[in-house]
């Protein structure tokens, strides 16, 4: 279902807006990464290096006791600002602030986070914006008192916002919040001019109830990247992802469609893992792209290069990340330029250092 509204004073910036930083939270032994901790930490180091190569610093949330290990794993020349704090988990996409443009500069906007509908304890994650990140920003943080995760939203430069019904209307997030009330939030808090709430598409093993960043992504050249299953016609995902493509074509008929193949991955317990190629991060002139050491990687890389002809595609092994049912976009949150205080960005450019 789609809606049109007038753009408000705050406008959520698309991911391809020029970035000065990317927020990550370091995986440690007390998070759910414990069984794969070394492999996941190596993946984080690779992602940190790729973010730096894309001309952004990393704001790394971490516990104080992890600093020695972090400095031993990350090159001294890396542009990493370590911000010590405690948190439940490392899915920064879903609890770090969003950035909106305004006439007075970029404004951080935060929402409540309750562990994807109270599935997991998120009491510490829910305080990160207020207690830690707000003080880093140039403008005062605006808070909206509803549950909403960053991975649930996608927006383009024309303020067309897309999300999924399965996520938004999970009653454990916002109870009986209506469609009109969501539309009002997206319009008045995030400046959405057009809103499409998609009905179809879901990946088995996805704890987020169908975040849009695992399914459909905008490109700066009027394109849509869609996680499909055309290569697996007998897969349980085929019907839903086929309907998702049809739905997207109806909602955004003038957009070019770039459909990705679907890998099939299971963990050691036989559970299907939600390995999505759509879970990439646009970082300045690069696209940090998750690969999973599967045969579909080669085709997916060709498709994403066609979707982003003016970007450098950087493949990163995210097979360790998907063991915890997420991927590259889920662990990152980009920060557009002129959002963080200049002195903090400058400090982060001096090597691996502490705030």
C-alpha atoms as a PDB file:
ATOM      1  CA  UNK A   1       0.000   0.000   0.000  1.00  0.00           C
ATOM      2  CA  UNK A   2       1.318   3.462  -0.928  1.00  0.00           C
ATOM      3  CA  UNK A   3       0.740   6.986   0.429  1.00  0.00           C
ATOM      4  CA  UNK A   4       1.759  10.511  -0.619  1.00  0.00           C
ATOM      5  CA  UNK A   5       2.461  13.381   1.769  1.00  0.00           C
ATOM      6  CA  UNK A   6       4.098  16.782   1.772  1.00  0.00           C
ATOM      7  CA  UNK A   7       7.770  16.802   2.814  1.00  0.00           C
ATOM      8  CA  UNK A   8       8.375  18.201   6.312  1.00  0.00           C
ATOM      9  CA  UNK A   9      11.270  20.142   7.892  1.00  0.00           C
ATOM     10  CA  UNK A  10      13.270  16.983   8.676  1.00  0.00           C
ATOM     11  CA  UNK A  11      14.224  14.705   5.799  1.00  0.00           C
ATOM     12  CA  UNK A  12      15.834  11.299   6.293  1.00  0.00           C
ATOM     13  CA  UNK A  13      18.968  11.172   4.146  1.00  0.00           C
ATOM     14  CA  UNK A  14      19.440   8.276   1.717  1.00  0.00           C
ATOM     15  CA  UNK A  15      22.358   5.951   2.343  1.00  0.00           C
ATOM     16  CA  UNK A  16      24.356   7.369  -0.568  1.00  0.00           C
ATOM     17  CA  UNK A  17      24.569  10.806   1.039  1.00  0.00           C
ATOM     18  CA  UNK A  18      28.239  11.563   1.672  1.00  0.00           C
ATOM     19  CA  UNK A  19      29.358   9.939   4.919  1.00  0.00           C
ATOM     20  CA  UNK A  20      31.890  10.933   7.542  1.00  0.00           C
ATOM     21  CA  UNK A  21      31.540   7.871   9.787  1.00  0.00           C
ATOM     22  CA  UNK A  22      30.014   4.443  10.256  1.00  0.00           C
ATOM     23  CA  UNK A  23      28.954   3.169  13.686  1.00  0.00           C
ATOM     24  CA  UNK A  24      29.813  -0.409  14.708  1.00  0.00           C
ATOM     25  CA  UNK A  25      29.614  -2.283  18.016  1.00  0.00           C
ATOM     26  CA  UNK A  26      32.471  -4.691  18.708  1.00  0.00           C
ATOM     27  CA  UNK A  27      31.540  -8.376  19.209  1.00  0.00           C
ATOM     28  CA  UNK A  28      32.753  -9.713  22.534  1.00  0.00           C
ATOM     29  CA  UNK A  29      32.552 -12.920  24.538  1.00  0.00           C
ATOM     30  CA  UNK A  30      29.364 -11.875  26.325  1.00  0.00           C
ATOM     31  CA  UNK A  31      27.407 -11.409  23.087  1.00  0.00           C
ATOM     32  CA  UNK A  32      25.765 -14.164  21.065  1.00  0.00           C
ATOM     33  CA  UNK A  33      28.859 -14.292  18.853  1.00  0.00           C
ATOM     34  CA  UNK A  34      30.731 -16.405  21.391  1.00  0.00           C
ATOM     35  CA  UNK A  35      30.790 -19.675  19.335  1.00  0.00           C
ATOM     36  CA  UNK A  36      32.270 -17.879  16.288  1.00  0.00           C
ATOM     37  CA  UNK A  37      33.974 -15.001  18.065  1.00  0.00           C
ATOM     38  CA  UNK A  38      37.388 -15.072  16.374  1.00  0.00           C
ATOM     39  CA  UNK A  39      35.951 -15.449  12.863  1.00  0.00           C
ATOM     40  CA  UNK A  40      33.434 -12.664  13.469  1.00  0.00           C
ATOM     41  CA  UNK A  41      36.081 -10.309  14.862  1.00  0.00           C
ATOM     42  CA  UNK A  42      38.206 -10.877  11.751  1.00  0.00           C
ATOM     43  CA  UNK A  43      35.157 -10.039   9.624  1.00  0.00           C
ATOM     44  CA  UNK A  44      34.734  -6.825  11.625  1.00  0.00           C
ATOM     45  CA  UNK A  45      38.361  -5.889  10.995  1.00  0.00           C
ATOM     46  CA  UNK A  46      37.858  -6.424   7.252  1.00  0.00           C
ATOM     47  CA  UNK A  47      34.730  -4.240   7.335  1.00  0.00           C
ATOM     48  CA  UNK A  48      36.539  -1.529   9.318  1.00  0.00           C
ATOM     49  CA  UNK A  49      39.346  -1.477   6.745  1.00  0.00           C
ATOM     50  CA  UNK A  50      36.812  -1.242   3.894  1.00  0.00           C
ATOM     51  CA  UNK A  51      34.992   1.658   5.581  1.00  0.00           C
ATOM     52  CA  UNK A  52      38.278   3.513   6.015  1.00  0.00           C
ATOM     53  CA  UNK A  53      39.176   2.842   2.372  1.00  0.00           C
ATOM     54  CA  UNK A  54      35.825   4.433   1.472  1.00  0.00           C
ATOM     55  CA  UNK A  55      36.916   7.629   3.260  1.00  0.00           C
ATOM     56  CA  UNK A  56      34.908   7.328   6.463  1.00  0.00           C
ATOM     57  CA  UNK A  57      36.022   6.822  10.038  1.00  0.00           C
ATOM     58  CA  UNK A  58      34.608   4.101  12.269  1.00  0.00           C
ATOM     59  CA  UNK A  59      32.950   4.972  15.561  1.00  0.00           C
ATOM     60  CA  UNK A  60      33.432   1.694  17.407  1.00  0.00           C
ATOM     61  CA  UNK A  61      31.303   1.028  20.465  1.00  0.00           C
ATOM     62  CA  UNK A  62      33.207  -1.340  22.724  1.00  0.00           C
ATOM     63  CA  UNK A  63      33.750  -2.376  26.314  1.00  0.00           C
ATOM     64  CA  UNK A  64      36.822  -0.981  28.033  1.00  0.00           C
ATOM     65  CA  UNK A  65      38.222  -4.457  28.651  1.00  0.00           C
ATOM     66  CA  UNK A  66      38.243  -5.095  24.877  1.00  0.00           C
ATOM     67  CA  UNK A  67      40.500  -2.164  23.982  1.00  0.00           C
ATOM     68  CA  UNK A  68      43.784  -4.081  24.146  1.00  0.00           C
ATOM     69  CA  UNK A  69      42.455  -6.825  21.878  1.00  0.00           C
ATOM     70  CA  UNK A  70      40.961  -4.322  19.435  1.00  0.00           C
ATOM     71  CA  UNK A  71      44.245  -2.443  19.148  1.00  0.00           C
ATOM     72  CA  UNK A  72      46.082  -5.714  18.530  1.00  0.00           C
ATOM     73  CA  UNK A  73      43.747  -6.692  15.664  1.00  0.00           C
ATOM     74  CA  UNK A  74      43.212  -3.358  13.920  1.00  0.00           C
ATOM     75  CA  UNK A  75      46.130  -1.650  12.136  1.00  0.00           C
ATOM     76  CA  UNK A  76      47.529   1.361  14.018  1.00  0.00           C
ATOM     77  CA  UNK A  77      46.862   3.532  10.978  1.00  0.00           C
ATOM     78  CA  UNK A  78      43.145   2.670  10.878  1.00  0.00           C
ATOM     79  CA  UNK A  79      40.737   5.549  11.468  1.00  0.00           C
ATOM     80  CA  UNK A  80      38.825   4.156  14.430  1.00  0.00           C
ATOM     81  CA  UNK A  81      37.427   6.050  17.393  1.00  0.00           C
ATOM     82  CA  UNK A  82      36.705   3.659  20.263  1.00  0.00           C
ATOM     83  CA  UNK A  83      33.769   4.751  22.432  1.00  0.00           C
ATOM     84  CA  UNK A  84      33.540   2.655  25.586  1.00  0.00           C
ATOM     85  CA  UNK A  85      30.086   1.593  26.753  1.00  0.00           C
ATOM     86  CA  UNK A  86      28.051  -1.530  27.417  1.00  0.00           C
ATOM     87  CA  UNK A  87      25.407  -3.025  25.152  1.00  0.00           C
ATOM     88  CA  UNK A  88      23.402  -6.210  24.695  1.00  0.00           C
ATOM     89  CA  UNK A  89      24.375  -6.988  21.132  1.00  0.00           C
ATOM     90  CA  UNK A  90      26.052  -5.615  18.039  1.00  0.00           C
ATOM     91  CA  UNK A  91      23.194  -4.905  15.593  1.00  0.00           C
ATOM     92  CA  UNK A  92      23.898  -1.164  15.459  1.00  0.00           C
ATOM     93  CA  UNK A  93      21.628  -0.685  12.435  1.00  0.00           C
ATOM     94  CA  UNK A  94      18.606  -1.182  14.619  1.00  0.00           C
ATOM     95  CA  UNK A  95      19.414   0.961  17.656  1.00  0.00           C
ATOM     96  CA  UNK A  96      21.783   3.705  16.463  1.00  0.00           C
ATOM     97  CA  UNK A  97      20.233   7.029  15.464  1.00  0.00           C
ATOM     98  CA  UNK A  98      19.019   7.938  11.982  1.00  0.00           C
ATOM     99  CA  UNK A  99      20.232  11.169  10.381  1.00  0.00           C
ATOM    100  CA  UNK A 100      17.849  13.749   8.936  1.00  0.00           C
ATOM    101  CA  UNK A 101      18.654  16.874   6.970  1.00  0.00           C
ATOM    102  CA  UNK A 102      17.182  20.186   8.107  1.00  0.00           C
ATOM    103  CA  UNK A 103      17.577  23.876   7.376  1.00  0.00           C
ATOM    104  CA  UNK A 104      19.792  24.162  10.476  1.00  0.00           C
ATOM    105  CA  UNK A 105      22.027  21.175   9.720  1.00  0.00           C
ATOM    106  CA  UNK A 106      21.829  17.426  10.143  1.00  0.00           C
ATOM    107  CA  UNK A 107      19.705  16.236  13.054  1.00  0.00           C
ATOM    108  CA  UNK A 108      20.060  12.825  14.764  1.00  0.00           C
ATOM    109  CA  UNK A 109      16.686  11.157  15.298  1.00  0.00           C
ATOM    110  CA  UNK A 110      16.294   8.189  17.635  1.00  0.00           C
ATOM    111  CA  UNK A 111      13.523   5.700  18.293  1.00  0.00           C
ATOM    112  CA  UNK A 112      12.925   3.077  20.950  1.00  0.00           C
ATOM    113  CA  UNK A 113      14.416  -0.384  20.478  1.00  0.00           C
ATOM    114  CA  UNK A 114      12.903  -3.424  22.205  1.00  0.00           C
ATOM    115  CA  UNK A 115      14.787  -6.347  20.706  1.00  0.00           C
ATOM    116  CA  UNK A 116      12.645  -6.783  17.560  1.00  0.00           C
ATOM    117  CA  UNK A 117       9.372  -7.090  19.394  1.00  0.00           C
ATOM    118  CA  UNK A 118      10.699  -8.251  22.791  1.00  0.00           C
ATOM    119  CA  UNK A 119      12.410 -11.337  21.362  1.00  0.00           C
ATOM    120  CA  UNK A 120      15.693 -10.495  23.109  1.00  0.00           C
ATOM    121  CA  UNK A 121      16.862  -8.304  25.986  1.00  0.00           C
ATOM    122  CA  UNK A 122      17.689  -4.878  24.574  1.00  0.00           C
ATOM    123  CA  UNK A 123      17.585  -2.694  27.686  1.00  0.00           C
ATOM    124  CA  UNK A 124      21.210  -1.546  27.240  1.00  0.00           C
ATOM    125  CA  UNK A 125      20.942  -1.094  23.478  1.00  0.00           C
ATOM    126  CA  UNK A 126      17.892   1.123  23.981  1.00  0.00           C
ATOM    127  CA  UNK A 127      19.995   3.619  25.997  1.00  0.00           C
ATOM    128  CA  UNK A 128      22.944   3.938  23.576  1.00  0.00           C
ATOM    129  CA  UNK A 129      21.575   6.963  21.703  1.00  0.00           C
ATOM    130  CA  UNK A 130      20.647   8.941  24.792  1.00  0.00           C
ATOM    131  CA  UNK A 131      23.643   8.073  26.972  1.00  0.00           C
ATOM    132  CA  UNK A 132      26.439   7.775  24.411  1.00  0.00           C
ATOM    133  CA  UNK A 133      25.788   8.875  20.838  1.00  0.00           C
ATOM    134  CA  UNK A 134      23.820  12.078  21.439  1.00  0.00           C
ATOM    135  CA  UNK A 135      26.861  13.797  22.921  1.00  0.00           C
ATOM    136  CA  UNK A 136      28.866  13.154  19.752  1.00  0.00           C
ATOM    137  CA  UNK A 137      26.464  15.070  17.510  1.00  0.00           C
ATOM    138  CA  UNK A 138      26.454  18.731  16.505  1.00  0.00           C
ATOM    139  CA  UNK A 139      22.687  19.121  16.833  1.00  0.00           C
ATOM    140  CA  UNK A 140      20.464  18.025  19.734  1.00  0.00           C
ATOM    141  CA  UNK A 141      19.023  14.554  19.234  1.00  0.00           C
ATOM    142  CA  UNK A 142      15.293  14.309  18.601  1.00  0.00           C
ATOM    143  CA  UNK A 143      13.558  11.301  20.118  1.00  0.00           C
ATOM    144  CA  UNK A 144      10.408   9.603  18.908  1.00  0.00           C
ATOM    145  CA  UNK A 145       8.690   7.420  21.481  1.00  0.00           C
ATOM    146  CA  UNK A 146       7.782   4.484  19.256  1.00  0.00           C
ATOM    147  CA  UNK A 147       9.673   1.270  18.511  1.00  0.00           C
ATOM    148  CA  UNK A 148      11.351   1.436  15.114  1.00  0.00           C
ATOM    149  CA  UNK A 149      14.562  -0.113  13.807  1.00  0.00           C
ATOM    150  CA  UNK A 150      16.851   1.357  11.176  1.00  0.00           C
ATOM    151  CA  UNK A 151      16.831  -1.880   9.199  1.00  0.00           C
ATOM    152  CA  UNK A 152      13.060  -1.552   8.791  1.00  0.00           C
ATOM    153  CA  UNK A 153      13.354   1.600   6.637  1.00  0.00           C
ATOM    154  CA  UNK A 154      14.739   2.436   3.201  1.00  0.00           C
ATOM    155  CA  UNK A 155      14.483   5.851   1.543  1.00  0.00           C
ATOM    156  CA  UNK A 156      15.702   7.466  -1.671  1.00  0.00           C
ATOM    157  CA  UNK A 157      16.609  11.032  -2.678  1.00  0.00           C
ATOM    158  CA  UNK A 158      12.986  11.718  -3.632  1.00  0.00           C
ATOM    159  CA  UNK A 159      11.835  10.870  -0.087  1.00  0.00           C
ATOM    160  CA  UNK A 160      10.108   7.665  -1.153  1.00  0.00           C
ATOM    161  CA  UNK A 161      10.201   5.496   1.963  1.00  0.00           C
ATOM    162  CA  UNK A 162       9.583   1.753   1.906  1.00  0.00           C
ATOM    163  CA  UNK A 163       9.057  -0.697   4.754  1.00  0.00           C
ATOM    164  CA  UNK A 164       7.308  -4.018   5.394  1.00  0.00           C
ATOM    165  CA  UNK A 165       3.963  -4.776   6.947  1.00  0.00           C
ATOM    166  CA  UNK A 166       5.247  -7.915   8.696  1.00  0.00           C
ATOM    167  CA  UNK A 167       7.717  -5.853  10.718  1.00  0.00           C
ATOM    168  CA  UNK A 168       5.732  -2.700  11.417  1.00  0.00           C
ATOM    169  CA  UNK A 169       2.597  -4.454  12.583  1.00  0.00           C
ATOM    170  CA  UNK A 170       4.155  -6.966  14.926  1.00  0.00           C
ATOM    171  CA  UNK A 171       2.015  -6.178  17.980  1.00  0.00           C
ATOM    172  CA  UNK A 172       4.995  -6.606  20.321  1.00  0.00           C
ATOM    173  CA  UNK A 173       6.594  -3.512  18.828  1.00  0.00           C
ATOM    174  CA  UNK A 174       3.926  -0.823  18.985  1.00  0.00           C
ATOM    175  CA  UNK A 175       0.761  -2.580  20.033  1.00  0.00           C
ATOM    176  CA  UNK A 176      -2.192  -1.276  18.049  1.00  0.00           C
ATOM    177  CA  UNK A 177      -0.411   1.587  16.270  1.00  0.00           C
ATOM    178  CA  UNK A 178      -2.357   2.113  13.049  1.00  0.00           C
ATOM    179  CA  UNK A 179      -1.160   2.517   9.499  1.00  0.00           C
ATOM    180  CA  UNK A 180      -2.140   6.177   9.553  1.00  0.00           C
ATOM    181  CA  UNK A 181      -0.130   6.718  12.740  1.00  0.00           C
ATOM    182  CA  UNK A 182       2.945   5.129  11.136  1.00  0.00           C
ATOM    183  CA  UNK A 183       2.457   7.306   8.082  1.00  0.00           C
ATOM    184  CA  UNK A 184       2.299  10.387  10.312  1.00  0.00           C
ATOM    185  CA  UNK A 185       5.594   9.396  11.980  1.00  0.00           C
ATOM    186  CA  UNK A 186       7.310   8.741   8.655  1.00  0.00           C
ATOM    187  CA  UNK A 187       6.029  12.058   7.313  1.00  0.00           C
ATOM    188  CA  UNK A 188       6.611  14.367  10.274  1.00  0.00           C
ATOM    189  CA  UNK A 189       9.704  12.790  11.824  1.00  0.00           C
ATOM    190  CA  UNK A 190      11.498  11.540   8.688  1.00  0.00           C
ATOM    191  CA  UNK A 191      10.162  13.755   5.895  1.00  0.00           C
ATOM    192  CA  UNK A 192       8.771  10.952   3.740  1.00  0.00           C
ATOM    193  CA  UNK A 193       6.811  12.246   0.739  1.00  0.00           C
ATOM    194  CA  UNK A 194       5.769   8.824  -0.570  1.00  0.00           C
ATOM    195  CA  UNK A 195       5.400   5.686   1.550  1.00  0.00           C
ATOM    196  CA  UNK A 196       5.095   2.092   0.346  1.00  0.00           C
ATOM    197  CA  UNK A 197       4.431  -0.614   2.924  1.00  0.00           C
ATOM    198  CA  UNK A 198       5.182  -3.935   1.245  1.00  0.00           C
ATOM    199  CA  UNK A 199       3.170  -7.078   1.925  1.00  0.00           C
ATOM    200  CA  UNK A 200       5.378  -9.870   0.588  1.00  0.00           C
ATOM    201  CA  UNK A 201       8.844 -11.297   1.141  1.00  0.00           C
ATOM    202  CA  UNK A 202      10.441 -12.998   4.137  1.00  0.00           C
ATOM    203  CA  UNK A 203      13.624 -14.971   4.769  1.00  0.00           C
ATOM    204  CA  UNK A 204      13.532 -17.993   7.056  1.00  0.00           C
ATOM    205  CA  UNK A 205      15.555 -17.447  10.225  1.00  0.00           C
ATOM    206  CA  UNK A 206      15.067 -13.672  10.154  1.00  0.00           C
ATOM    207  CA  UNK A 207      14.374 -12.491  13.718  1.00  0.00           C
ATOM    208  CA  UNK A 208      13.420  -9.005  12.490  1.00  0.00           C
ATOM    209  CA  UNK A 209      10.067 -10.051  11.000  1.00  0.00           C
ATOM    210  CA  UNK A 210      11.158  -9.061   7.509  1.00  0.00           C
ATOM    211  CA  UNK A 211      13.333  -5.957   7.635  1.00  0.00           C
ATOM    212  CA  UNK A 212      13.364  -4.148   4.309  1.00  0.00           C
ATOM    213  CA  UNK A 213      17.187  -4.145   4.270  1.00  0.00           C
ATOM    214  CA  UNK A 214      17.162  -7.912   3.717  1.00  0.00           C
ATOM    215  CA  UNK A 215      14.695  -7.631   0.817  1.00  0.00           C
ATOM    216  CA  UNK A 216      14.629  -4.379  -1.193  1.00  0.00           C
ATOM    217  CA  UNK A 217      17.140  -1.532  -1.531  1.00  0.00           C
ATOM    218  CA  UNK A 218      17.158   1.684  -3.547  1.00  0.00           C
ATOM    219  CA  UNK A 219      20.039   2.753  -5.797  1.00  0.00           C
ATOM    220  CA  UNK A 220      20.936   6.389  -6.569  1.00  0.00           C
ATOM    221  CA  UNK A 221      20.209   5.811 -10.281  1.00  0.00           C
ATOM    222  CA  UNK A 222      16.496   5.122  -9.943  1.00  0.00           C
ATOM    223  CA  UNK A 223      16.914   1.403  -9.343  1.00  0.00           C
ATOM    224  CA  UNK A 224      15.680  -1.276  -6.979  1.00  0.00           C
ATOM    225  CA  UNK A 225      17.854  -4.146  -5.807  1.00  0.00           C
ATOM    226  CA  UNK A 226      15.626  -7.042  -4.781  1.00  0.00           C
ATOM    227  CA  UNK A 227      16.546 -10.281  -3.039  1.00  0.00           C
ATOM    228  CA  UNK A 228      14.970 -12.878  -5.288  1.00  0.00           C
ATOM    229  CA  UNK A 229      14.890 -16.663  -5.516  1.00  0.00           C
ATOM    230  CA  UNK A 230      14.636 -17.076  -9.301  1.00  0.00           C
ATOM    231  CA  UNK A 231      17.590 -19.452  -9.207  1.00  0.00           C
ATOM    232  CA  UNK A 232      15.750 -21.768  -6.796  1.00  0.00           C
ATOM    233  CA  UNK A 233      12.221 -22.375  -8.170  1.00  0.00           C
ATOM    234  CA  UNK A 234      11.609 -25.203  -5.685  1.00  0.00           C
ATOM    235  CA  UNK A 235      12.774 -23.208  -2.673  1.00  0.00           C
ATOM    236  CA  UNK A 236      10.267 -22.338   0.051  1.00  0.00           C
ATOM    237  CA  UNK A 237      11.103 -18.642  -0.537  1.00  0.00           C
ATOM    238  CA  UNK A 238      10.339 -18.623  -4.249  1.00  0.00           C
ATOM    239  CA  UNK A 239       6.657 -17.697  -4.149  1.00  0.00           C
ATOM    240  CA  UNK A 240       6.962 -14.907  -1.576  1.00  0.00           C
ATOM    241  CA  UNK A 241       9.992 -13.295  -3.231  1.00  0.00           C
ATOM    242  CA  UNK A 242       8.377 -13.527  -6.669  1.00  0.00           C
ATOM    243  CA  UNK A 243       5.318 -11.715  -5.303  1.00  0.00           C
ATOM    244  CA  UNK A 244       7.641  -9.153  -3.707  1.00  0.00           C
ATOM    245  CA  UNK A 245       9.149  -8.343  -7.106  1.00  0.00           C
ATOM    246  CA  UNK A 246       5.690  -7.950  -8.641  1.00  0.00           C
ATOM    247  CA  UNK A 247       4.651  -5.723  -5.749  1.00  0.00           C
ATOM    248  CA  UNK A 248       7.730  -3.531  -6.164  1.00  0.00           C
ATOM    249  CA  UNK A 249       7.129  -3.159  -9.892  1.00  0.00           C
ATOM    250  CA  UNK A 250       3.588  -1.998  -9.183  1.00  0.00           C
ATOM    251  CA  UNK A 251       4.602   0.449  -6.437  1.00  0.00           C
ATOM    252  CA  UNK A 252       7.647   1.817  -8.315  1.00  0.00           C
ATOM    253  CA  UNK A 253       6.921   1.166 -11.996  1.00  0.00           C
ATOM    254  CA  UNK A 254       9.622   3.464 -13.404  1.00  0.00           C
ATOM    255  CA  UNK A 255      12.497   1.896 -11.451  1.00  0.00           C
ATOM    256  CA  UNK A 256      15.000  -0.499 -12.975  1.00  0.00           C
ATOM    257  CA  UNK A 257      14.941  -3.881 -11.214  1.00  0.00           C
ATOM    258  CA  UNK A 258      18.116  -5.729 -10.224  1.00  0.00           C
ATOM    259  CA  UNK A 259      17.166  -9.111  -8.815  1.00  0.00           C
ATOM    260  CA  UNK A 260      19.704 -11.070  -6.787  1.00  0.00           C
ATOM    261  CA  UNK A 261      20.004 -14.865  -6.590  1.00  0.00           C
ATOM    262  CA  UNK A 262      19.313 -16.646  -3.307  1.00  0.00           C
ATOM    263  CA  UNK A 263      21.982 -18.720  -1.568  1.00  0.00           C
ATOM    264  CA  UNK A 264      20.999 -21.673   0.596  1.00  0.00           C
ATOM    265  CA  UNK A 265      22.806 -21.849   3.918  1.00  0.00           C
ATOM    266  CA  UNK A 266      22.079 -23.796   7.098  1.00  0.00           C
ATOM    267  CA  UNK A 267      23.764 -23.831  10.487  1.00  0.00           C
ATOM    268  CA  UNK A 268      25.060 -26.918  12.261  1.00  0.00           C
ATOM    269  CA  UNK A 269      21.589 -27.497  13.738  1.00  0.00           C
ATOM    270  CA  UNK A 270      20.059 -27.590  10.270  1.00  0.00           C
ATOM    271  CA  UNK A 271      18.316 -24.215  10.584  1.00  0.00           C
ATOM    272  CA  UNK A 272      18.007 -22.125   7.419  1.00  0.00           C
ATOM    273  CA  UNK A 273      20.093 -18.962   7.647  1.00  0.00           C
ATOM    274  CA  UNK A 274      18.775 -15.659   6.205  1.00  0.00           C
ATOM    275  CA  UNK A 275      21.734 -15.051   3.893  1.00  0.00           C
ATOM    276  CA  UNK A 276      20.705 -11.966   1.901  1.00  0.00           C
ATOM    277  CA  UNK A 277      22.804 -10.279  -0.760  1.00  0.00           C
ATOM    278  CA  UNK A 278      20.561  -7.218  -0.383  1.00  0.00           C
ATOM    279  CA  UNK A 279      22.106  -6.559   3.046  1.00  0.00           C
ATOM    280  CA  UNK A 280      24.922  -4.380   1.652  1.00  0.00           C
ATOM    281  CA  UNK A 281      26.238  -1.014   2.867  1.00  0.00           C
ATOM    282  CA  UNK A 282      26.662   1.977   0.571  1.00  0.00           C
ATOM    283  CA  UNK A 283      29.648   3.923   1.900  1.00  0.00           C
ATOM    284  CA  UNK A 284      30.521   6.975  -0.165  1.00  0.00           C
ATOM    285  CA  UNK A 285      31.709   5.717  -3.563  1.00  0.00           C
ATOM    286  CA  UNK A 286      31.882   2.082  -2.469  1.00  0.00           C
ATOM    287  CA  UNK A 287      29.328  -0.659  -1.933  1.00  0.00           C
ATOM    288  CA  UNK A 288      30.437  -3.034   0.811  1.00  0.00           C
ATOM    289  CA  UNK A 289      28.845  -6.243  -0.392  1.00  0.00           C
ATOM    290  CA  UNK A 290      28.240  -9.423   1.638  1.00  0.00           C
ATOM    291  CA  UNK A 291      29.331 -12.700   0.118  1.00  0.00           C
ATOM    292  CA  UNK A 292      28.878 -16.076   1.770  1.00  0.00           C
ATOM    293  CA  UNK A 293      31.361 -18.427   0.057  1.00  0.00           C
ATOM    294  CA  UNK A 294      28.487 -19.825  -1.980  1.00  0.00           C
ATOM    295  CA  UNK A 295      28.266 -20.476  -5.714  1.00  0.00           C
ATOM    296  CA  UNK A 296      25.787 -17.599  -6.091  1.00  0.00           C
ATOM    297  CA  UNK A 297      28.434 -15.066  -4.989  1.00  0.00           C
ATOM    298  CA  UNK A 298      29.810 -14.584  -8.522  1.00  0.00           C
ATOM    299  CA  UNK A 299      26.429 -13.835 -10.100  1.00  0.00           C
ATOM    300  CA  UNK A 300      25.412 -11.579  -7.226  1.00  0.00           C
ATOM    301  CA  UNK A 301      28.578  -9.504  -7.630  1.00  0.00           C
ATOM    302  CA  UNK A 302      27.898  -9.005 -11.338  1.00  0.00           C
ATOM    303  CA  UNK A 303      24.337  -7.880 -10.645  1.00  0.00           C
ATOM    304  CA  UNK A 304      25.296  -5.419  -7.925  1.00  0.00           C
ATOM    305  CA  UNK A 305      27.961  -3.865 -10.166  1.00  0.00           C
ATOM    306  CA  UNK A 306      25.289  -3.319 -12.818  1.00  0.00           C
ATOM    307  CA  UNK A 307      23.053  -1.713 -10.185  1.00  0.00           C
ATOM    308  CA  UNK A 308      25.871   0.582  -8.992  1.00  0.00           C
ATOM    309  CA  UNK A 309      27.953   1.326 -12.116  1.00  0.00           C
ATOM    310  CA  UNK A 310      29.590   4.379 -10.533  1.00  0.00           C
ATOM    311  CA  UNK A 311      30.596   2.617  -7.308  1.00  0.00           C
ATOM    312  CA  UNK A 312      33.429   0.329  -6.361  1.00  0.00           C
ATOM    313  CA  UNK A 313      32.053  -3.042  -5.246  1.00  0.00           C
ATOM    314  CA  UNK A 314      33.940  -4.439  -2.235  1.00  0.00           C
ATOM    315  CA  UNK A 315      33.107  -8.106  -1.504  1.00  0.00           C
ATOM    316  CA  UNK A 316      33.365  -9.074   2.171  1.00  0.00           C
ATOM    317  CA  UNK A 317      32.984 -12.566   3.592  1.00  0.00           C
ATOM    318  CA  UNK A 318      29.916 -12.412   5.835  1.00  0.00           C
ATOM    319  CA  UNK A 319      29.413 -16.157   6.298  1.00  0.00           C
ATOM    320  CA  UNK A 320      30.368 -15.763   9.996  1.00  0.00           C
ATOM    321  CA  UNK A 321      27.801 -12.954  10.469  1.00  0.00           C
ATOM    322  CA  UNK A 322      24.883 -14.923   9.084  1.00  0.00           C
ATOM    323  CA  UNK A 323      25.427 -17.582  11.755  1.00  0.00           C
ATOM    324  CA  UNK A 324      23.645 -15.122  14.053  1.00  0.00           C
ATOM    325  CA  UNK A 325      20.917 -14.500  11.462  1.00  0.00           C
ATOM    326  CA  UNK A 326      22.109 -11.106  10.217  1.00  0.00           C
ATOM    327  CA  UNK A 327      24.674  -9.635   7.850  1.00  0.00           C
ATOM    328  CA  UNK A 328      26.734  -6.603   6.886  1.00  0.00           C
ATOM    329  CA  UNK A 329      24.097  -3.867   6.771  1.00  0.00           C
ATOM    330  CA  UNK A 330      22.633  -5.070  10.077  1.00  0.00           C
ATOM    331  CA  UNK A 331      25.837  -4.391  12.026  1.00  0.00           C
ATOM    332  CA  UNK A 332      26.493  -0.929  10.575  1.00  0.00           C
ATOM    333  CA  UNK A 333      24.905   2.525  10.746  1.00  0.00           C
ATOM    334  CA  UNK A 334      26.192   5.243   8.452  1.00  0.00           C
ATOM    335  CA  UNK A 335      26.534   8.863   9.598  1.00  0.00           C
ATOM    336  CA  UNK A 336      26.335  11.552   6.890  1.00  0.00           C
ATOM    337  CA  UNK A 337      28.839  14.395   6.820  1.00  0.00           C
ATOM    338  CA  UNK A 338      28.319  17.367   9.152  1.00  0.00           C
ATOM    339  CA  UNK A 339      26.474  15.329  11.777  1.00  0.00           C
ATOM    340  CA  UNK A 340      29.216  14.496  14.305  1.00  0.00           C
ATOM    341  CA  UNK A 341      31.122  17.296  16.047  1.00  0.00           C
ATOM    342  CA  UNK A 342      34.165  18.221  13.887  1.00  0.00           C
ATOM    343  CA  UNK A 343      36.649  17.735  16.715  1.00  0.00           C
ATOM    344  CA  UNK A 344      35.432  14.147  17.190  1.00  0.00           C
ATOM    345  CA  UNK A 345      35.776  13.335  13.489  1.00  0.00           C
ATOM    346  CA  UNK A 346      39.236  14.890  13.531  1.00  0.00           C
ATOM    347  CA  UNK A 347      40.261  12.760  16.496  1.00  0.00           C
ATOM    348  CA  UNK A 348      38.978   9.624  14.745  1.00  0.00           C
ATOM    349  CA  UNK A 349      41.244  10.367  11.770  1.00  0.00           C
ATOM    350  CA  UNK A 350      44.412  10.121  13.860  1.00  0.00           C
ATOM    351  CA  UNK A 351      44.572   6.331  14.153  1.00  0.00           C
ATOM    352  CA  UNK A 352      43.021   3.828  16.562  1.00  0.00           C
ATOM    353  CA  UNK A 353      42.187   5.978  19.566  1.00  0.00           C
ATOM    354  CA  UNK A 354      39.776   6.361  22.480  1.00  0.00           C
ATOM    355  CA  UNK A 355      37.264   9.121  22.966  1.00  0.00           C
END
